[in-house]
């Protein structure tokens, strides 16, 4: 069963407007749903907000070939990845 994040709510007089950095987010699909729907293990769902609607797309896991390629690129370009992460790409 997926974990539930509990958020403490506090009252405040201040109103804050937040501009999102992304229009999509990724969620792991629980094993029970993967099995019940016959999806590939480690599939994920991508949720995207557009025109006041949320679109969902199920993505299968990367193939072994793509995993290998991405690991090689990450290893070779680790410093670039860390810098992009630091500046909030």
N, C-alpha and C. Protein backbone atom coordinates (compact mmCIF):
# COMPACT_ATOMS: atom_id res chain seq x y z
N UNK A 1 0.84 -1.17 0.00
CA UNK A 1 0.00 0.00 0.00
C UNK A 1 0.89 1.24 0.00
N UNK A 2 0.60 2.25 -0.81
CA UNK A 2 1.43 3.45 -0.84
C UNK A 2 1.37 4.20 0.49
N UNK A 3 2.47 4.85 0.81
CA UNK A 3 2.51 5.64 2.03
C UNK A 3 1.74 6.94 1.83
N UNK A 4 1.18 7.45 2.92
CA UNK A 4 0.44 8.70 2.88
C UNK A 4 1.27 9.77 3.56
N UNK A 5 1.46 10.87 2.89
CA UNK A 5 2.21 11.98 3.44
C UNK A 5 1.27 12.86 4.23
N UNK A 6 1.56 13.01 5.50
CA UNK A 6 0.73 13.88 6.33
C UNK A 6 1.38 15.25 6.40
N UNK A 7 0.57 16.28 6.16
CA UNK A 7 1.06 17.65 6.17
C UNK A 7 0.34 18.41 7.27
N UNK A 8 1.14 19.03 8.14
CA UNK A 8 0.56 19.82 9.21
C UNK A 8 0.04 21.13 8.63
N UNK A 9 -1.20 21.46 8.94
CA UNK A 9 -1.79 22.69 8.43
C UNK A 9 -1.73 23.74 9.53
N UNK A 10 -1.23 24.92 9.18
CA UNK A 10 -1.17 26.01 10.14
C UNK A 10 -1.92 27.20 9.57
N UNK A 11 -2.48 28.00 10.47
CA UNK A 11 -3.19 29.18 10.02
C UNK A 11 -2.23 30.34 9.91
N UNK A 12 -2.44 31.16 8.89
CA UNK A 12 -1.58 32.32 8.70
C UNK A 12 -2.38 33.42 8.01
N UNK A 13 -2.00 34.65 8.25
CA UNK A 13 -2.63 35.80 7.61
C UNK A 13 -2.03 36.04 6.22
N UNK A 14 -0.84 35.50 6.01
CA UNK A 14 -0.09 35.76 4.79
C UNK A 14 -0.57 34.87 3.64
N UNK A 15 -0.75 35.47 2.47
CA UNK A 15 -1.09 34.72 1.27
C UNK A 15 0.13 34.70 0.37
N UNK A 16 0.44 33.52 -0.14
CA UNK A 16 1.63 33.39 -0.97
C UNK A 16 1.24 32.75 -2.30
N UNK A 17 1.67 33.38 -3.38
CA UNK A 17 1.43 32.83 -4.70
C UNK A 17 2.67 32.07 -5.13
N UNK A 18 2.48 30.84 -5.54
CA UNK A 18 3.61 30.01 -5.95
C UNK A 18 3.45 29.65 -7.41
N UNK A 19 4.49 29.92 -8.18
CA UNK A 19 4.48 29.55 -9.59
C UNK A 19 5.18 28.20 -9.72
N UNK A 20 4.48 27.19 -10.21
CA UNK A 20 5.12 25.87 -10.31
C UNK A 20 6.24 25.88 -11.33
N UNK A 21 7.27 25.06 -11.05
CA UNK A 21 8.39 24.94 -11.98
C UNK A 21 8.09 23.93 -13.08
N UNK A 22 7.19 22.99 -12.81
CA UNK A 22 6.89 21.94 -13.76
C UNK A 22 5.39 21.81 -13.94
N UNK A 23 4.98 21.20 -15.04
CA UNK A 23 3.56 20.94 -15.24
C UNK A 23 3.27 19.45 -15.18
N UNK A 24 4.27 18.65 -14.80
CA UNK A 24 4.10 17.20 -14.72
C UNK A 24 4.77 16.65 -13.47
N UNK A 25 4.28 15.51 -13.03
CA UNK A 25 4.93 14.79 -11.95
C UNK A 25 4.79 13.30 -12.19
N UNK A 26 5.69 12.54 -11.56
CA UNK A 26 5.77 11.10 -11.78
C UNK A 26 5.40 10.37 -10.50
N UNK A 27 4.60 9.31 -10.65
CA UNK A 27 4.16 8.53 -9.49
C UNK A 27 4.45 7.06 -9.76
N UNK A 28 5.01 6.38 -8.75
CA UNK A 28 5.21 4.94 -8.87
C UNK A 28 3.85 4.25 -8.74
N UNK A 29 3.64 3.24 -9.55
CA UNK A 29 2.38 2.50 -9.49
C UNK A 29 2.56 1.35 -8.49
N UNK A 30 1.66 1.22 -7.53
CA UNK A 30 1.77 0.13 -6.55
C UNK A 30 1.74 -1.23 -7.23
N UNK A 31 2.47 -2.19 -6.66
CA UNK A 31 2.58 -3.55 -7.20
C UNK A 31 1.20 -4.18 -7.41
N UNK A 32 0.26 -3.94 -6.48
CA UNK A 32 -1.08 -4.53 -6.58
C UNK A 32 -1.78 -4.08 -7.86
N UNK A 33 -1.63 -2.82 -8.20
CA UNK A 33 -2.27 -2.29 -9.41
C UNK A 33 -1.55 -2.82 -10.65
N UNK A 34 -0.22 -2.87 -10.60
CA UNK A 34 0.55 -3.42 -11.72
C UNK A 34 0.10 -4.85 -12.02
N UNK A 35 -0.02 -5.66 -10.96
CA UNK A 35 -0.44 -7.05 -11.15
C UNK A 35 -1.88 -7.15 -11.64
N UNK A 36 -2.77 -6.36 -11.04
CA UNK A 36 -4.19 -6.43 -11.41
C UNK A 36 -4.42 -5.97 -12.86
N UNK A 37 -3.63 -5.02 -13.33
CA UNK A 37 -3.81 -4.48 -14.68
C UNK A 37 -2.91 -5.14 -15.72
N UNK A 38 -2.02 -6.02 -15.27
CA UNK A 38 -1.13 -6.70 -16.20
C UNK A 38 -0.06 -5.79 -16.80
N UNK A 39 0.38 -4.80 -16.03
CA UNK A 39 1.42 -3.88 -16.51
C UNK A 39 2.80 -4.46 -16.25
N UNK A 40 3.79 -3.93 -16.95
CA UNK A 40 5.18 -4.35 -16.73
C UNK A 40 5.63 -3.88 -15.35
N UNK A 41 6.41 -4.74 -14.66
CA UNK A 41 6.94 -4.35 -13.35
C UNK A 41 7.69 -3.03 -13.46
N UNK A 42 7.59 -2.22 -12.43
CA UNK A 42 8.26 -0.91 -12.34
C UNK A 42 7.73 0.12 -13.33
N UNK A 43 6.52 -0.09 -13.85
CA UNK A 43 5.89 0.95 -14.67
C UNK A 43 5.59 2.15 -13.79
N UNK A 44 5.54 3.32 -14.39
CA UNK A 44 5.22 4.55 -13.66
C UNK A 44 4.08 5.26 -14.38
N UNK A 45 3.46 6.21 -13.68
CA UNK A 45 2.44 7.03 -14.31
C UNK A 45 2.93 8.48 -14.27
N UNK A 46 2.76 9.18 -15.39
CA UNK A 46 3.13 10.59 -15.49
C UNK A 46 1.83 11.38 -15.56
N UNK A 47 1.67 12.32 -14.65
CA UNK A 47 0.50 13.19 -14.63
C UNK A 47 0.92 14.56 -15.13
N UNK A 48 0.18 15.11 -16.08
CA UNK A 48 0.50 16.41 -16.67
C UNK A 48 -0.73 17.30 -16.62
N UNK A 49 -0.55 18.53 -16.18
CA UNK A 49 -1.65 19.50 -16.13
C UNK A 49 -1.61 20.34 -17.39
N UNK A 50 -2.75 20.42 -18.09
CA UNK A 50 -2.85 21.25 -19.29
C UNK A 50 -4.31 21.62 -19.49
N UNK A 51 -4.56 22.88 -19.75
CA UNK A 51 -5.92 23.38 -19.99
C UNK A 51 -6.88 22.98 -18.87
N UNK A 52 -6.42 23.15 -17.63
CA UNK A 52 -7.23 22.87 -16.44
C UNK A 52 -7.66 21.41 -16.33
N UNK A 53 -6.90 20.52 -16.96
CA UNK A 53 -7.17 19.08 -16.88
C UNK A 53 -5.87 18.36 -16.55
N UNK A 54 -6.02 17.17 -15.97
CA UNK A 54 -4.86 16.34 -15.68
C UNK A 54 -4.88 15.15 -16.62
N UNK A 55 -3.79 15.00 -17.37
CA UNK A 55 -3.65 13.88 -18.31
C UNK A 55 -2.72 12.85 -17.66
N UNK A 56 -3.09 11.58 -17.73
CA UNK A 56 -2.26 10.52 -17.16
C UNK A 56 -1.74 9.63 -18.27
N UNK A 57 -0.47 9.25 -18.16
CA UNK A 57 0.14 8.36 -19.14
C UNK A 57 0.98 7.33 -18.40
N UNK A 58 0.77 6.05 -18.71
CA UNK A 58 1.54 4.98 -18.08
C UNK A 58 2.76 4.70 -18.94
N UNK A 59 3.93 4.73 -18.29
CA UNK A 59 5.18 4.46 -19.00
C UNK A 59 5.80 3.18 -18.47
N UNK A 60 6.18 2.27 -19.36
CA UNK A 60 6.86 1.05 -18.91
C UNK A 60 8.28 1.38 -18.48
N UNK A 61 8.94 0.47 -17.77
CA UNK A 61 10.33 0.73 -17.38
C UNK A 61 11.24 0.77 -18.60
N UNK A 62 12.41 1.38 -18.43
CA UNK A 62 13.38 1.44 -19.52
C UNK A 62 13.89 0.04 -19.85
N UNK A 63 14.20 -0.18 -21.11
CA UNK A 63 14.81 -1.44 -21.52
C UNK A 63 16.22 -1.51 -20.93
N UNK A 64 16.77 -2.71 -20.87
CA UNK A 64 18.13 -2.87 -20.34
C UNK A 64 19.14 -2.07 -21.16
N UNK A 65 18.92 -2.01 -22.47
CA UNK A 65 19.83 -1.25 -23.34
C UNK A 65 19.80 0.23 -22.99
N UNK A 66 18.59 0.80 -22.82
CA UNK A 66 18.47 2.22 -22.47
C UNK A 66 19.00 2.50 -21.07
N UNK A 67 18.79 1.57 -20.14
CA UNK A 67 19.34 1.74 -18.78
C UNK A 67 20.86 1.82 -18.85
N UNK A 68 21.45 0.92 -19.63
CA UNK A 68 22.91 0.88 -19.76
C UNK A 68 23.44 2.18 -20.36
N UNK A 69 22.78 2.65 -21.42
CA UNK A 69 23.19 3.90 -22.07
C UNK A 69 23.08 5.08 -21.11
N UNK A 70 21.95 5.17 -20.40
CA UNK A 70 21.75 6.30 -19.49
C UNK A 70 22.75 6.28 -18.33
N UNK A 71 23.08 5.08 -17.84
CA UNK A 71 24.08 4.97 -16.77
C UNK A 71 25.45 5.43 -17.25
N UNK A 72 25.82 5.08 -18.49
CA UNK A 72 27.10 5.51 -19.05
C UNK A 72 27.15 7.03 -19.20
N UNK A 73 26.06 7.62 -19.69
CA UNK A 73 26.00 9.07 -19.86
C UNK A 73 26.09 9.76 -18.50
N UNK A 74 25.34 9.26 -17.53
CA UNK A 74 25.36 9.86 -16.20
C UNK A 74 26.75 9.78 -15.59
N UNK A 75 27.40 8.62 -15.74
CA UNK A 75 28.76 8.46 -15.20
C UNK A 75 29.72 9.44 -15.86
N UNK A 76 29.61 9.58 -17.18
CA UNK A 76 30.52 10.46 -17.93
C UNK A 76 30.25 11.94 -17.64
N UNK A 77 28.99 12.29 -17.42
CA UNK A 77 28.60 13.70 -17.24
C UNK A 77 28.11 14.00 -15.82
N UNK A 78 28.62 13.30 -14.84
CA UNK A 78 28.17 13.46 -13.44
C UNK A 78 28.26 14.91 -12.97
N UNK A 79 29.36 15.60 -13.29
CA UNK A 79 29.53 16.98 -12.84
C UNK A 79 28.46 17.90 -13.43
N UNK A 80 28.13 17.69 -14.70
CA UNK A 80 27.08 18.50 -15.34
C UNK A 80 25.75 18.23 -14.65
N UNK A 81 25.44 16.96 -14.41
CA UNK A 81 24.19 16.59 -13.73
C UNK A 81 24.11 17.26 -12.36
N UNK A 82 25.18 17.18 -11.58
CA UNK A 82 25.20 17.78 -10.24
C UNK A 82 25.02 19.29 -10.30
N UNK A 83 25.63 19.94 -11.28
CA UNK A 83 25.48 21.40 -11.41
C UNK A 83 24.05 21.77 -11.79
N UNK A 84 23.43 21.02 -12.72
CA UNK A 84 22.04 21.29 -13.08
C UNK A 84 21.12 21.07 -11.88
N UNK A 85 21.39 20.06 -11.12
CA UNK A 85 20.61 19.78 -9.93
C UNK A 85 20.77 20.93 -8.91
N UNK A 86 22.02 21.42 -8.77
CA UNK A 86 22.30 22.49 -7.82
C UNK A 86 21.57 23.78 -8.18
N UNK A 87 21.53 24.12 -9.48
CA UNK A 87 20.90 25.38 -9.88
C UNK A 87 19.41 25.23 -10.11
N UNK A 88 18.90 24.01 -9.99
CA UNK A 88 17.45 23.82 -10.08
C UNK A 88 16.93 23.75 -11.50
N UNK A 89 17.64 23.03 -12.36
CA UNK A 89 17.21 22.88 -13.74
C UNK A 89 15.83 22.38 -13.77
